[in-house]
Amino acid sequence: MPVETPLSFGQLYSWREIDAYPDDCKHEANLSATWDLRGFSLHRVLAVLRQLSDWHEPLRTTYEVRNGVPVQHVHDDLAMPVERLDRPVPDAGDPERTTAALIERPFAMTGDPGWRALLVTTGDEPMFCSLSFSHLILDVWSVLELTEQARALLAGVPAGEVAVRVGPSPRVLADRQRDESSAGRRAGAQRYWRNILSEQVIDSLPALEDGEQRPRIQATLHSHRLGVLAGQAAKSLGVTPPSVMLGVLAAALSERTGVEPLPIGLMSSNRFPPELRHVVGTLNQLIPVLATVDYGSSLSDHITRVHWAGAKAYRYSCYDIDAVGDLARQASADRRAGQFNSLFRCWFNHIQLDDKTPDAADETPAELEWNPMARQFGQPLDVRVTVRNGRTSIALRADSELLDERQLVDTLRTVALGVQRAAMEPAANLKELWIDPGTSVDPTLFPEESAS
């Protein structure tokens, strides 16, 4: 019989977030992985999948709802949702196309494991495995960790050596987060949220009803040089590259929207203690920061101020979102108060997906890419910064009534200019970012044809 336990704070947060998605958009919560299995036997591949399932409870956990509250059922043994398909692999792009199709299939919120795999073989020889995971059970860090463990096992590293990386399970985390020893942390998080809510600035940005959709636009700026300069600025200011990006983005978005201080939800991995760094589960939570923008200050002072505000917020980033919803309803007469979309109206996430350092000698021109299929729900302002293979990508999605296409492009251009000046002229006044719209930006940071 499965064991029924409460959700961890990370699991509960993910549940409330995905439950707010429109019914026909639940697949947007899916994360993917593609494993190259050429050269390994079918027996070895299946044994590795079974070992990972045995180690990690989220791979054999289902969810149910009790009186409106989600709970988890942890099974001792659960049939792995692995489908095998024997067919030729026509070209090098087939694995990624197969994975892309797999993650389009939504997962049920209850009753089924939140993952599935398609194991493709040719003549019984493994070729690749496409995997799809709901954010209900795993976050991005967990997918990367699971992939690393799979690679190690496939390569013949003894299971005992890999197992030392296995962290505590979500149900263990749930018990710790709710026991008496964590009472001080829970109280601190509630105080932090009360202070945020008392400022009454979250409502300065519009919010959708849970499940509601509105027209959104999205563009992504790709630049190798941007990461180099963010690193240089961070080193000289004693902050982090994500803080440089956050500080400049906060100033740009505040200026474009007229909202100050700007309430920004920072995505926290909640993996600060060493024992949590290899946890396979869903730990991520947004924590709000009120980013003040003083146009009389220097870029360096502004970025440093935002950095320390974020550092303080991370101390309280593991919290009970249902308790926070109760606080929000007590503080506001708005019928939407406490809903996920009302708590978080501006989203910032910075994630580095590999260990490659940006190359200072890389002169690849920057690119601006429009996404014609922008997500039409969730936050009215959504910024995702991804660093992969030495390239920084800033995806900015906005409600079309907050930013039109020209304003969205100008915002990304301002970010590029801000990072450039933070590295080269940190004492420059913050307001100088908007004095001369024609100020040139290095084409490695922003494409020339998009700057006019």
Protein backbone atom coordinates (compact mmCIF):
# COMPACT_ATOMS: atom_id res chain seq x y z
CA MET A 1 0.00 0.00 0.00
CA PRO A 2 1.29 3.51 -0.77
CA VAL A 3 2.14 5.87 2.07
CA GLU A 4 0.08 9.10 2.10
CA THR A 5 1.93 12.19 3.30
CA PRO A 6 1.65 15.99 2.96
CA LEU A 7 3.46 17.74 0.14
CA SER A 8 6.72 19.55 0.73
CA PHE A 9 6.58 23.32 0.33
CA GLY A 10 8.16 23.00 -3.11
CA GLN A 11 5.64 20.38 -4.21
CA LEU A 12 2.73 22.44 -2.90
CA TYR A 13 4.04 25.55 -4.67
CA SER A 14 4.29 23.65 -7.97
CA TRP A 15 0.81 22.23 -7.50
CA ARG A 16 -0.75 25.67 -6.97
CA GLU A 17 1.15 27.10 -9.92
CA ILE A 18 0.19 24.36 -12.39
CA ASP A 19 -3.37 24.23 -11.08
CA ALA A 20 -3.65 27.91 -12.13
CA TYR A 21 -2.82 27.03 -15.76
CA PRO A 22 -5.71 26.87 -18.23
CA ASP A 23 -6.90 23.29 -18.65
CA ASP A 24 -5.61 23.07 -22.21
CA CYS A 25 -2.15 24.36 -21.21
CA LYS A 26 -1.09 21.89 -18.52
CA HIS A 27 1.60 20.53 -20.85
CA GLU A 28 3.42 23.86 -20.46
CA ALA A 29 4.59 22.55 -17.07
CA ASN A 30 6.55 19.69 -18.66
CA LEU A 31 10.34 19.43 -18.64
CA SER A 32 12.31 17.26 -21.03
CA ALA A 33 15.48 15.23 -21.38
CA THR A 34 16.93 13.21 -24.25
CA TRP A 35 19.44 10.49 -23.44
CA ASP A 36 21.76 9.09 -26.10
CA LEU A 37 21.84 5.33 -25.49
CA ARG A 38 23.89 4.12 -28.42
CA GLY A 39 26.37 1.47 -27.39
CA PHE A 40 24.46 0.28 -24.31
CA SER A 41 22.47 -2.93 -24.04
CA LEU A 42 18.72 -2.91 -23.54
CA HIS A 43 19.18 -4.81 -20.28
CA ARG A 44 21.58 -2.17 -18.96
CA VAL A 45 19.30 0.72 -19.93
CA LEU A 46 16.24 -0.81 -18.24
CA ALA A 47 18.31 -1.63 -15.15
CA VAL A 48 19.44 2.01 -14.89
CA LEU A 49 15.86 3.28 -15.19
CA ARG A 50 14.79 0.85 -12.46
CA GLN A 51 17.68 1.91 -10.21
CA LEU A 52 16.75 5.57 -10.57
CA SER A 53 13.12 4.80 -9.79
CA ASP A 54 14.15 2.83 -6.70
CA TRP A 55 16.35 5.68 -5.47
CA HIS A 56 14.00 8.59 -6.14
CA GLU A 57 10.50 8.62 -4.65
CA PRO A 58 9.13 11.30 -7.05
CA LEU A 59 9.41 8.70 -9.86
CA ARG A 60 7.00 6.43 -8.00
CA THR A 61 4.70 9.02 -6.45
CA THR A 62 1.13 9.90 -7.39
CA TYR A 63 -1.02 12.78 -6.12
CA GLU A 64 -4.55 12.94 -4.75
CA VAL A 65 -6.70 15.70 -3.26
CA ARG A 66 -8.20 15.55 0.23
CA ASN A 67 -10.70 18.32 1.07
CA GLY A 68 -9.09 20.66 -1.45
CA VAL A 69 -5.55 19.95 -0.22
CA PRO A 70 -3.20 17.89 -2.41
CA VAL A 71 -1.35 14.97 -0.82
CA GLN A 72 1.19 12.51 -2.18
CA HIS A 73 1.06 8.74 -2.34
CA VAL A 74 4.54 7.22 -2.26
CA HIS A 75 4.54 3.69 -3.68
CA ASP A 76 7.06 1.00 -2.77
CA ASP A 77 6.84 -0.24 -6.34
CA LEU A 78 5.15 1.39 -9.32
CA ALA A 79 5.23 0.25 -12.91
CA MET A 80 7.60 2.51 -14.80
CA PRO A 81 5.79 4.51 -17.52
CA VAL A 82 8.32 3.50 -20.17
CA GLU A 83 7.11 2.76 -23.69
CA ARG A 84 9.44 0.96 -26.04
CA LEU A 85 9.35 1.66 -29.78
CA ASP A 86 11.51 -0.27 -32.24
CA ARG A 87 12.10 1.70 -35.43
CA PRO A 88 14.87 3.24 -37.51
CA VAL A 89 16.29 6.65 -36.55
CA PRO A 90 16.08 8.61 -39.84
CA ASP A 91 18.41 11.50 -39.00
CA ALA A 92 20.30 13.30 -36.23
CA GLY A 93 17.34 15.54 -35.43
CA ASP A 94 14.93 12.68 -34.75
CA PRO A 95 15.65 12.35 -31.00
CA GLU A 96 14.91 16.02 -30.27
CA ARG A 97 11.77 15.98 -32.45
CA THR A 98 10.57 12.88 -30.62
CA THR A 99 11.16 14.50 -27.24
CA ALA A 100 9.43 17.71 -28.35
CA ALA A 101 6.34 15.72 -29.33
CA LEU A 102 6.41 13.78 -26.05
CA ILE A 103 6.33 16.86 -23.83
CA GLU A 104 3.24 18.15 -25.63
CA ARG A 105 1.23 15.47 -23.83
CA PRO A 106 -0.12 16.81 -20.51
CA PHE A 107 -0.07 14.88 -17.26
CA ALA A 108 -3.10 14.36 -15.05
CA MET A 109 -2.82 16.25 -11.78
CA THR A 110 -3.91 13.18 -9.83
CA GLY A 111 -3.69 9.42 -10.08
CA ASP A 112 -0.74 8.93 -12.42
CA PRO A 113 3.04 9.32 -12.08
CA GLY A 114 4.17 12.66 -13.45
CA TRP A 115 6.69 11.29 -15.91
CA ARG A 116 6.90 9.12 -19.00
CA ALA A 117 9.65 7.82 -21.25
CA LEU A 118 9.82 6.64 -24.84
CA LEU A 119 12.70 4.22 -25.36
CA VAL A 120 13.56 4.01 -29.05
CA THR A 121 15.44 0.93 -30.26
CA THR A 122 16.49 -0.28 -33.67
CA GLY A 123 16.65 -4.04 -33.95
CA ASP A 124 16.56 -4.28 -30.14
CA GLU A 125 19.59 -1.99 -29.83
CA PRO A 126 18.87 1.16 -27.76
CA MET A 127 19.21 4.41 -29.71
CA PHE A 128 17.84 7.09 -27.40
CA CYS A 129 15.31 7.74 -24.68
CA SER A 130 12.94 10.71 -24.72
CA LEU A 131 11.70 11.69 -21.26
CA SER A 132 9.01 14.07 -20.09
CA PHE A 133 8.60 15.15 -16.46
CA SER A 134 5.86 17.30 -14.97
CA HIS A 135 7.09 20.17 -12.82
CA LEU A 136 4.72 18.67 -10.25
CA ILE A 137 7.45 16.12 -9.49
CA LEU A 138 10.77 17.55 -10.77
CA ASP A 139 12.36 20.94 -11.33
CA VAL A 140 15.06 21.74 -13.89
CA TRP A 141 17.90 21.05 -11.45
CA SER A 142 16.44 17.63 -10.72
CA VAL A 143 16.24 16.72 -14.40
CA LEU A 144 19.92 17.65 -14.76
CA GLU A 145 20.81 15.65 -11.64
CA LEU A 146 18.83 12.62 -12.81
CA THR A 147 20.58 12.80 -16.17
CA GLU A 148 24.01 12.93 -14.53
CA GLN A 149 23.20 9.93 -12.38
CA ALA A 150 21.93 7.99 -15.40
CA ARG A 151 25.12 8.76 -17.34
CA ALA A 152 27.28 7.62 -14.45
CA LEU A 153 25.40 4.34 -14.08
CA LEU A 154 25.45 3.69 -17.82
CA ALA A 155 29.20 4.36 -17.86
CA GLY A 156 29.69 1.64 -15.27
CA VAL A 157 30.26 3.73 -12.15
CA PRO A 158 29.28 1.47 -9.21
CA ALA A 159 25.80 2.21 -7.88
CA GLY A 160 27.20 2.75 -4.42
CA GLU A 161 29.39 5.60 -5.62
CA VAL A 162 26.48 7.27 -7.44
CA ALA A 163 24.09 6.77 -4.53
CA VAL A 164 26.09 9.10 -2.30
CA ARG A 165 24.62 11.94 -4.40
CA VAL A 166 21.04 10.95 -3.55
CA GLY A 167 19.50 13.58 -1.27
CA PRO A 168 16.50 13.44 1.10
CA SER A 169 13.12 12.61 -0.42
CA PRO A 170 10.27 15.15 -0.72
CA ARG A 171 8.31 13.48 2.08
CA VAL A 172 11.34 13.79 4.39
CA LEU A 173 11.58 17.46 3.44
CA ALA A 174 7.84 17.88 4.08
CA ASP A 175 8.22 16.48 7.60
CA ARG A 176 11.21 18.71 8.34
CA GLN A 177 9.52 21.83 7.01
CA ARG A 178 6.48 21.28 9.24
CA ASP A 179 8.09 20.07 12.45
CA GLU A 180 8.79 22.21 15.51
CA SER A 181 12.48 22.67 14.66
CA SER A 182 11.45 24.69 11.58
CA ALA A 183 8.93 26.91 13.39
CA GLY A 184 11.34 29.87 13.37
CA ARG A 185 11.88 29.58 9.60
CA ARG A 186 8.13 29.43 8.98
CA ALA A 187 7.54 32.47 11.18
CA GLY A 188 10.34 34.39 9.43
CA ALA A 189 8.86 33.67 6.02
CA GLN A 190 5.42 34.83 7.16
CA ARG A 191 6.90 38.08 8.53
CA TYR A 192 8.68 38.68 5.25
CA TRP A 193 5.47 38.14 3.28
CA ARG A 194 3.44 40.36 5.64
CA ASN A 195 5.94 43.18 5.01
CA ILE A 196 5.69 42.69 1.25
CA LEU A 197 1.90 42.64 1.31
CA SER A 198 1.71 45.68 3.61
CA GLU A 199 3.50 47.79 0.96
CA GLN A 200 0.46 47.23 -1.31
CA VAL A 201 2.52 47.44 -4.51
CA ILE A 202 1.95 43.91 -5.83
CA ASP A 203 -1.41 45.14 -7.17
CA SER A 204 0.41 47.78 -9.25
CA LEU A 205 0.66 45.25 -12.07
CA PRO A 206 -2.39 43.51 -13.56
CA ALA A 207 -3.24 39.92 -12.71
CA LEU A 208 -5.23 37.24 -14.49
CA GLU A 209 -7.75 34.98 -12.87
CA ASP A 210 -6.45 31.45 -12.45
CA GLY A 211 -7.06 29.71 -15.77
CA GLU A 212 -7.57 32.99 -17.69
CA GLN A 213 -5.67 33.83 -20.90
CA ARG A 214 -4.70 37.13 -22.49
CA PRO A 215 -2.61 38.17 -25.53
CA ARG A 216 1.11 38.08 -24.74
CA ILE A 217 4.20 38.85 -26.82
CA GLN A 218 7.68 37.42 -26.36
CA ALA A 219 11.15 38.01 -27.75
CA THR A 220 14.51 36.54 -26.78
CA LEU A 221 17.86 38.29 -26.94
CA HIS A 222 20.81 35.91 -27.52
CA SER A 223 24.35 37.13 -26.86
CA HIS A 224 27.66 35.52 -25.99
CA ARG A 225 29.20 38.86 -25.04
CA LEU A 226 26.45 39.71 -22.56
CA GLY A 227 27.54 36.99 -20.14
CA VAL A 228 31.14 38.14 -20.33
CA LEU A 229 30.25 41.71 -19.36
CA ALA A 230 27.78 40.60 -16.68
CA GLY A 231 30.60 38.57 -15.14
CA GLN A 232 33.00 41.52 -15.28
CA ALA A 233 30.46 43.85 -13.69
CA ALA A 234 29.63 41.32 -11.00
CA LYS A 235 33.28 40.87 -10.08
CA SER A 236 33.95 44.61 -9.82
CA LEU A 237 30.78 45.27 -7.79
CA GLY A 238 31.08 42.28 -5.48
CA VAL A 239 27.76 40.79 -6.59
CA THR A 240 26.69 37.92 -8.91
CA PRO A 241 26.00 37.93 -12.67
CA PRO A 242 22.29 37.19 -12.03
CA SER A 243 22.15 40.27 -9.78
CA VAL A 244 23.63 42.43 -12.54
CA MET A 245 20.92 41.18 -14.92
CA LEU A 246 18.22 41.59 -12.29
CA GLY A 247 19.25 45.12 -11.37
CA VAL A 248 19.29 46.36 -14.96
CA LEU A 249 16.04 44.56 -15.81
CA ALA A 250 14.31 46.02 -12.75
CA ALA A 251 15.30 49.53 -13.82
CA ALA A 252 14.22 48.94 -17.44
CA LEU A 253 10.87 47.40 -16.55
CA SER A 254 10.13 50.00 -13.88
CA GLU A 255 10.78 52.79 -16.37
CA ARG A 256 8.62 51.17 -19.07
CA THR A 257 5.67 50.36 -16.80
CA GLY A 258 5.83 53.34 -14.43
CA VAL A 259 5.72 50.96 -11.42
CA GLU A 260 8.15 51.74 -8.58
CA PRO A 261 9.12 49.91 -6.49
CA LEU A 262 8.73 47.02 -8.91
CA PRO A 263 7.57 43.76 -7.29
CA ILE A 264 9.67 41.00 -8.85
CA GLY A 265 9.34 37.33 -8.03
CA LEU A 266 12.83 35.77 -7.88
CA MET A 267 13.01 32.09 -8.64
CA SER A 268 14.91 30.33 -5.87
CA SER A 269 16.27 26.82 -6.32
CA ASN A 270 16.04 26.33 -2.52
CA ARG A 271 19.16 24.16 -2.69
CA PHE A 272 21.48 26.26 -0.55
CA PRO A 273 22.33 23.59 2.08
CA PRO A 274 24.85 21.10 0.63
CA GLU A 275 22.59 18.11 1.37
CA LEU A 276 19.89 19.54 -0.90
CA ARG A 277 22.05 20.16 -3.95
CA HIS A 278 21.45 16.69 -5.37
CA VAL A 279 17.81 16.27 -4.35
CA VAL A 280 15.57 14.92 -7.09
CA GLY A 281 12.20 16.57 -6.63
CA THR A 282 10.61 19.98 -7.07
CA LEU A 283 12.03 22.60 -4.72
CA ASN A 284 11.80 25.83 -6.72
CA GLN A 285 9.69 28.70 -5.40
CA LEU A 286 9.31 32.35 -6.33
CA ILE A 287 10.00 34.89 -3.59
CA PRO A 288 9.06 38.55 -4.13
CA VAL A 289 11.48 41.45 -3.95
CA LEU A 290 10.48 45.11 -4.06
CA ALA A 291 13.10 46.58 -6.38
CA THR A 292 13.45 50.29 -5.71
CA VAL A 293 14.68 52.41 -8.61
CA ASP A 294 16.33 55.69 -7.67
CA TYR A 295 17.15 57.50 -10.91
CA GLY A 296 19.58 59.74 -9.06
CA SER A 297 21.80 56.82 -8.07
CA SER A 298 24.67 55.28 -9.98
CA LEU A 299 24.38 51.98 -11.79
CA SER A 300 26.75 50.40 -9.31
CA ASP A 301 24.72 51.55 -6.29
CA HIS A 302 21.45 50.43 -7.89
CA ILE A 303 22.71 46.96 -8.80
CA THR A 304 24.27 46.49 -5.36
CA ARG A 305 21.03 47.54 -3.65
CA VAL A 306 18.97 45.08 -5.71
CA HIS A 307 21.54 42.35 -5.10
CA TRP A 308 21.25 42.63 -1.31
CA ALA A 309 17.47 42.85 -1.45
CA GLY A 310 17.50 39.58 -3.38
CA ALA A 311 19.96 37.99 -0.95
CA LYS A 312 17.62 38.85 1.93
CA ALA A 313 14.63 37.42 0.05
CA TYR A 314 16.36 34.10 -0.52
CA ARG A 315 16.47 33.58 3.26
CA TYR A 316 12.67 33.24 3.17
CA SER A 317 12.21 31.47 -0.17
CA CYS A 318 11.03 28.14 1.27
CA TYR A 319 7.51 28.73 2.55
CA ASP A 320 3.96 27.37 2.69
CA ILE A 321 2.18 29.02 -0.23
CA ASP A 322 -1.26 28.21 1.21
CA ALA A 323 -0.37 30.07 4.41
CA VAL A 324 0.81 33.01 2.27
CA GLY A 325 -2.47 32.92 0.36
CA ASP A 326 -4.32 33.23 3.68
CA LEU A 327 -2.20 36.27 4.58
CA ALA A 328 -2.96 37.87 1.22
CA ARG A 329 -6.69 37.38 1.66
CA GLN A 330 -6.51 38.96 5.10
CA ALA A 331 -4.66 41.97 3.67
CA SER A 332 -6.89 42.63 0.65
CA ALA A 333 -10.56 42.73 -0.23
CA ASP A 334 -9.76 41.71 -3.82
CA ARG A 335 -11.55 38.44 -4.53
CA ARG A 336 -8.45 37.24 -6.39
CA ALA A 337 -6.16 37.82 -3.40
CA GLY A 338 -4.23 34.70 -2.53
CA GLN A 339 -4.52 33.20 -6.01
CA PHE A 340 -1.20 32.20 -7.53
CA ASN A 341 -1.41 34.71 -10.37
CA SER A 342 -2.18 37.53 -7.94
CA LEU A 343 0.77 36.78 -5.69
CA PHE A 344 3.30 36.77 -8.52
CA ARG A 345 2.94 39.32 -11.32
CA CYS A 346 6.54 39.74 -12.44
CA TRP A 347 8.79 36.70 -12.74
CA PHE A 348 12.60 36.55 -12.92
CA ASN A 349 14.55 33.34 -13.32
CA HIS A 350 18.26 32.98 -14.08
CA ILE A 351 19.65 29.52 -14.72
CA GLN A 352 23.00 28.28 -15.98
CA LEU A 353 22.62 24.89 -17.63
CA ASP A 354 26.29 23.91 -17.95
CA ASP A 355 29.74 24.80 -16.65
CA LYS A 356 31.04 26.53 -19.78
CA THR A 357 32.43 30.00 -19.10
CA PRO A 358 31.53 32.72 -21.63
CA ASP A 359 34.42 33.37 -24.00
CA ALA A 360 35.65 36.99 -23.88
CA ALA A 361 37.06 36.59 -27.39
CA ASP A 362 33.74 35.47 -28.89
CA GLU A 363 32.55 38.20 -31.28
CA THR A 364 29.41 36.41 -32.47
CA PRO A 365 26.73 39.04 -33.27
CA ALA A 366 23.74 39.16 -30.96
CA GLU A 367 20.38 37.89 -32.21
CA LEU A 368 16.79 38.87 -31.44
CA GLU A 369 14.23 36.11 -31.87
CA TRP A 370 10.45 36.49 -31.68
CA ASN A 371 8.30 33.68 -30.32
CA PRO A 372 4.99 33.58 -32.24
CA MET A 373 3.64 31.01 -29.74
CA ALA A 374 4.11 33.02 -26.54
CA ARG A 375 2.35 31.62 -23.50
CA GLN A 376 -0.96 33.45 -23.13
CA PHE A 377 -1.39 33.04 -19.38
CA GLY A 378 0.45 33.56 -16.10
CA GLN A 379 2.44 36.65 -15.18
CA PRO A 380 2.07 39.89 -17.20
CA LEU A 381 5.88 40.25 -17.05
CA ASP A 382 8.04 37.15 -17.29
CA VAL A 383 11.84 37.17 -17.69
CA ARG A 384 13.85 33.95 -18.09
CA VAL A 385 17.64 34.26 -18.38
CA THR A 386 19.31 31.06 -19.57
CA VAL A 387 23.06 30.54 -19.91
CA ARG A 388 24.05 27.60 -22.06
CA ASN A 389 27.25 26.83 -23.97
CA GLY A 390 28.62 30.30 -23.17
CA ARG A 391 25.60 32.12 -24.60
CA THR A 392 23.18 34.20 -22.53
CA SER A 393 19.55 34.28 -23.62
CA ILE A 394 17.04 36.72 -22.12
CA ALA A 395 13.45 35.76 -22.90
CA LEU A 396 11.01 38.57 -22.08
CA ARG A 397 7.29 37.86 -22.25
CA ALA A 398 4.81 40.67 -21.58
CA ASP A 399 1.13 41.43 -21.58
CA SER A 400 0.54 43.33 -24.82
CA GLU A 401 -1.26 46.08 -22.89
CA LEU A 402 1.81 46.63 -20.68
CA LEU A 403 4.44 46.58 -23.43
CA ASP A 404 3.94 46.72 -27.18
CA GLU A 405 6.48 45.18 -29.55
CA ARG A 406 8.55 48.37 -29.80
CA GLN A 407 8.66 48.81 -26.03
CA LEU A 408 9.61 45.19 -25.51
CA VAL A 409 12.52 45.53 -27.95
CA ASP A 410 13.58 48.81 -26.31
CA THR A 411 13.52 47.11 -22.90
CA LEU A 412 15.85 44.35 -24.07
CA ARG A 413 18.09 46.96 -25.70
CA THR A 414 18.21 48.90 -22.42
CA VAL A 415 19.23 45.73 -20.60
CA ALA A 416 22.10 45.20 -23.05
CA LEU A 417 23.17 48.83 -22.68
CA GLY A 418 22.86 48.62 -18.90
CA VAL A 419 25.05 45.54 -18.64
CA GLN A 420 27.60 47.16 -20.96
CA ARG A 421 27.74 50.30 -18.81
CA ALA A 422 27.75 48.34 -15.54
CA ALA A 423 30.94 46.69 -16.75
CA MET A 424 32.55 49.75 -18.39
CA GLU A 425 31.08 52.76 -16.55
CA PRO A 426 29.61 51.55 -13.22
CA ALA A 427 29.59 55.10 -11.82
CA ALA A 428 27.26 56.26 -14.63
CA ASN A 429 23.93 57.66 -13.49
CA LEU A 430 21.04 55.24 -13.79
CA LYS A 431 18.86 57.72 -15.68
CA GLU A 432 21.47 57.95 -18.43
CA LEU A 433 20.16 54.66 -19.79
CA TRP A 434 17.17 56.60 -21.16
CA ILE A 435 18.61 60.02 -22.00
CA ASP A 436 19.67 59.14 -25.54
CA PRO A 437 17.73 56.31 -27.20
CA GLY A 438 20.22 56.44 -30.05
CA THR A 439 23.22 55.53 -27.90
CA SER A 440 25.04 52.76 -29.70
CA VAL A 441 25.19 49.28 -28.22
CA ASP A 442 27.88 46.87 -29.30
CA PRO A 443 26.38 44.54 -31.97
CA THR A 444 27.67 41.57 -29.98
CA LEU A 445 25.23 42.67 -27.26
CA PHE A 446 22.24 43.77 -29.33
CA PRO A 447 21.56 43.39 -33.09
CA GLU A 448 22.04 46.62 -35.00
CA GLU A 449 18.97 46.14 -37.21
CA SER A 450 16.75 45.95 -34.10
CA ALA A 451 18.15 49.07 -32.42
CA SER A 452 16.49 51.67 -34.60
